[in-house]
Amino acid sequence: MRQAMAQQEVAWDNGDIDGFMEWYADSICFHSPRGNTCGKAQVTENYRRSYPTKEAMGDLTFDLHEVIAAGDDHAWVTGSWSLHRSADTLGGAFALLWIRQAEGWRILRDHTY
């Protein structure tokens, strides 16, 4: 999961939303103060709408705090995120529920705040 999230940072910093979304399960539900969205296509569309350009995406950094196994095929990952852009810096925290699928580990639930 740590390696996957490092790859997500690289994809994001390159303006590659599809590469960032590779680590999400098709049945992802994303929960944030802005609302709840379920389904990979819908979550991807929200990212595209909120971050239409590479400049808007900025430079993403994750700081992982915990990786806790929840059985053989699930794990919780908690941490913080920061997004550095020329106009501002955003940040917050997250809790991710990962699931092991045939294609590997994927994020099933994303609680970002």
C-alpha atoms as a PDB file:
ATOM      1  CA  MET A   1       0.000   0.000   0.000  1.00  0.00           C
ATOM      2  CA  ARG A   2       2.851   2.369   0.719  1.00  0.00           C
ATOM      3  CA  GLN A   3       4.294   1.742  -2.738  1.00  0.00           C
ATOM      4  CA  ALA A   4       0.872   2.170  -4.342  1.00  0.00           C
ATOM      5  CA  MET A   5       0.385   5.507  -2.629  1.00  0.00           C
ATOM      6  CA  ALA A   6       3.864   6.631  -3.709  1.00  0.00           C
ATOM      7  CA  GLN A   7       2.821   5.794  -7.281  1.00  0.00           C
ATOM      8  CA  GLN A   8      -0.377   7.778  -6.751  1.00  0.00           C
ATOM      9  CA  GLU A   9       1.694  10.823  -5.753  1.00  0.00           C
ATOM     10  CA  VAL A  10       3.775  10.534  -8.942  1.00  0.00           C
ATOM     11  CA  ALA A  11       0.699  10.137 -11.149  1.00  0.00           C
ATOM     12  CA  TRP A  12      -0.983  13.133  -9.497  1.00  0.00           C
ATOM     13  CA  ASP A  13       2.112  15.324  -9.822  1.00  0.00           C
ATOM     14  CA  ASN A  14       2.248  14.398 -13.534  1.00  0.00           C
ATOM     15  CA  GLY A  15      -1.373  15.468 -14.036  1.00  0.00           C
ATOM     16  CA  ASP A  16      -2.425  11.845 -14.587  1.00  0.00           C
ATOM     17  CA  ILE A  17      -5.814  11.370 -12.919  1.00  0.00           C
ATOM     18  CA  ASP A  18      -6.297   7.968 -14.574  1.00  0.00           C
ATOM     19  CA  GLY A  19      -2.974   6.770 -13.128  1.00  0.00           C
ATOM     20  CA  PHE A  20      -3.965   8.108  -9.719  1.00  0.00           C
ATOM     21  CA  MET A  21      -7.318   6.314  -9.927  1.00  0.00           C
ATOM     22  CA  GLU A  22      -5.707   2.972 -10.856  1.00  0.00           C
ATOM     23  CA  TRP A  23      -5.483   2.154  -7.140  1.00  0.00           C
ATOM     24  CA  TYR A  24      -9.209   2.589  -6.504  1.00  0.00           C
ATOM     25  CA  ALA A  25     -11.631  -0.348  -6.597  1.00  0.00           C
ATOM     26  CA  ASP A  26     -14.531  -0.119  -9.042  1.00  0.00           C
ATOM     27  CA  SER A  27     -16.876  -0.007  -6.036  1.00  0.00           C
ATOM     28  CA  ILE A  28     -15.016   2.845  -4.287  1.00  0.00           C
ATOM     29  CA  CYS A  29     -17.000   5.185  -2.061  1.00  0.00           C
ATOM     30  CA  PHE A  30     -15.335   8.536  -1.431  1.00  0.00           C
ATOM     31  CA  HIS A  31     -16.480  10.473   1.641  1.00  0.00           C
ATOM     32  CA  SER A  32     -15.456  14.067   2.318  1.00  0.00           C
ATOM     33  CA  PRO A  33     -16.912  17.259   3.763  1.00  0.00           C
ATOM     34  CA  ARG A  34     -18.146  18.045   0.218  1.00  0.00           C
ATOM     35  CA  GLY A  35     -20.282  14.904   0.125  1.00  0.00           C
ATOM     36  CA  ASN A  36     -20.242  11.213  -0.687  1.00  0.00           C
ATOM     37  CA  THR A  37     -19.622   9.680  -4.089  1.00  0.00           C
ATOM     38  CA  CYS A  38     -19.652   5.981  -4.965  1.00  0.00           C
ATOM     39  CA  GLY A  39     -18.365   4.300  -8.104  1.00  0.00           C
ATOM     40  CA  LYS A  40     -14.981   4.692  -9.751  1.00  0.00           C
ATOM     41  CA  ALA A  41     -16.348   6.556 -12.788  1.00  0.00           C
ATOM     42  CA  GLN A  42     -18.138   9.097 -10.608  1.00  0.00           C
ATOM     43  CA  VAL A  43     -15.138   9.625  -8.300  1.00  0.00           C
ATOM     44  CA  THR A  44     -12.889  10.065 -11.350  1.00  0.00           C
ATOM     45  CA  GLU A  45     -15.282  12.634 -12.821  1.00  0.00           C
ATOM     46  CA  ASN A  46     -15.274  14.573  -9.533  1.00  0.00           C
ATOM     47  CA  TYR A  47     -11.469  14.710  -9.618  1.00  0.00           C
ATOM     48  CA  ARG A  48     -11.503  15.868 -13.253  1.00  0.00           C
ATOM     49  CA  ARG A  49     -14.032  18.601 -12.454  1.00  0.00           C
ATOM     50  CA  SER A  50     -12.201  19.775  -9.313  1.00  0.00           C
ATOM     51  CA  TYR A  51      -8.698  19.575 -10.833  1.00  0.00           C
ATOM     52  CA  PRO A  52      -9.059  20.377 -14.564  1.00  0.00           C
ATOM     53  CA  THR A  53      -5.372  21.145 -15.204  1.00  0.00           C
ATOM     54  CA  LYS A  54      -1.964  19.988 -14.050  1.00  0.00           C
ATOM     55  CA  GLU A  55      -1.481  23.397 -12.432  1.00  0.00           C
ATOM     56  CA  ALA A  56      -4.715  22.971 -10.452  1.00  0.00           C
ATOM     57  CA  MET A  57      -3.511  19.536  -9.339  1.00  0.00           C
ATOM     58  CA  GLY A  58      -0.239  20.886  -7.934  1.00  0.00           C
ATOM     59  CA  ASP A  59       2.211  18.733  -5.989  1.00  0.00           C
ATOM     60  CA  LEU A  60       0.634  16.057  -3.758  1.00  0.00           C
ATOM     61  CA  THR A  61       2.344  14.601  -0.713  1.00  0.00           C
ATOM     62  CA  PHE A  62       1.067  11.815   1.524  1.00  0.00           C
ATOM     63  CA  ASP A  63       2.330  11.185   5.051  1.00  0.00           C
ATOM     64  CA  LEU A  64       1.221   7.715   6.140  1.00  0.00           C
ATOM     65  CA  HIS A  65       0.640   7.343   9.869  1.00  0.00           C
ATOM     66  CA  GLU A  66      -0.652   3.778  10.236  1.00  0.00           C
ATOM     67  CA  VAL A  67      -1.204   0.646   8.178  1.00  0.00           C
ATOM     68  CA  ILE A  68      -3.359  -1.766  10.164  1.00  0.00           C
ATOM     69  CA  ALA A  69      -4.370  -5.215   8.920  1.00  0.00           C
ATOM     70  CA  ALA A  70      -8.090  -5.948   9.188  1.00  0.00           C
ATOM     71  CA  GLY A  71      -8.042  -9.637   8.325  1.00  0.00           C
ATOM     72  CA  ASP A  72      -6.217 -11.244   5.423  1.00  0.00           C
ATOM     73  CA  ASP A  73      -7.816  -9.180   2.662  1.00  0.00           C
ATOM     74  CA  HIS A  74      -8.423  -5.747   4.201  1.00  0.00           C
ATOM     75  CA  ALA A  75      -6.291  -3.020   5.743  1.00  0.00           C
ATOM     76  CA  TRP A  76      -6.804   0.476   7.095  1.00  0.00           C
ATOM     77  CA  VAL A  77      -4.339   3.188   6.148  1.00  0.00           C
ATOM     78  CA  THR A  78      -4.442   6.559   7.898  1.00  0.00           C
ATOM     79  CA  GLY A  79      -2.410   9.638   7.253  1.00  0.00           C
ATOM     80  CA  SER A  80      -2.331  13.212   6.100  1.00  0.00           C
ATOM     81  CA  TRP A  81      -2.072  14.876   2.717  1.00  0.00           C
ATOM     82  CA  SER A  82      -0.858  18.209   1.434  1.00  0.00           C
ATOM     83  CA  LEU A  83      -1.331  19.787  -1.946  1.00  0.00           C
ATOM     84  CA  HIS A  84       1.107  22.546  -2.873  1.00  0.00           C
ATOM     85  CA  ARG A  85       0.071  24.843  -5.707  1.00  0.00           C
ATOM     86  CA  SER A  86       1.415  28.185  -6.896  1.00  0.00           C
ATOM     87  CA  ALA A  87      -1.639  30.003  -5.501  1.00  0.00           C
ATOM     88  CA  ASP A  88      -2.145  28.089  -2.254  1.00  0.00           C
ATOM     89  CA  THR A  89      -1.502  25.025  -0.141  1.00  0.00           C
ATOM     90  CA  LEU A  90      -4.271  22.671   0.943  1.00  0.00           C
ATOM     91  CA  GLY A  91      -4.103  19.823   3.404  1.00  0.00           C
ATOM     92  CA  GLY A  92      -6.002  17.402   5.556  1.00  0.00           C
ATOM     93  CA  ALA A  93      -6.172  13.802   6.648  1.00  0.00           C
ATOM     94  CA  PHE A  94      -7.528  10.514   5.353  1.00  0.00           C
ATOM     95  CA  ALA A  95      -8.553   7.018   6.359  1.00  0.00           C
ATOM     96  CA  LEU A  96      -8.505   4.442   3.563  1.00  0.00           C
ATOM     97  CA  LEU A  97      -9.957   0.945   3.639  1.00  0.00           C
ATOM     98  CA  TRP A  98      -7.971  -1.247   1.245  1.00  0.00           C
ATOM     99  CA  ILE A  99      -9.153  -4.580  -0.126  1.00  0.00           C
ATOM    100  CA  ARG A 100      -7.094  -7.321  -1.752  1.00  0.00           C
ATOM    101  CA  GLN A 101      -8.604  -8.161  -5.147  1.00  0.00           C
ATOM    102  CA  ALA A 102      -7.476 -10.400  -7.995  1.00  0.00           C
ATOM    103  CA  GLU A 103      -5.514  -7.486  -9.514  1.00  0.00           C
ATOM    104  CA  GLY A 104      -3.956  -6.550  -6.164  1.00  0.00           C
ATOM    105  CA  TRP A 105      -4.684  -4.117  -3.360  1.00  0.00           C
ATOM    106  CA  ARG A 106      -7.246  -1.408  -4.118  1.00  0.00           C
ATOM    107  CA  ILE A 107      -8.913   1.367  -2.114  1.00  0.00           C
ATOM    108  CA  LEU A 108     -12.498   0.425  -1.284  1.00  0.00           C
ATOM    109  CA  ARG A 109     -13.363   3.384   0.987  1.00  0.00           C
ATOM    110  CA  ASP A 110     -11.714   6.806   1.060  1.00  0.00           C
ATOM    111  CA  HIS A 111     -12.570   9.151   3.921  1.00  0.00           C
ATOM    112  CA  THR A 112     -10.724  12.368   3.169  1.00  0.00           C
ATOM    113  CA  TYR A 113     -11.156  15.498   5.224  1.00  0.00           C
END
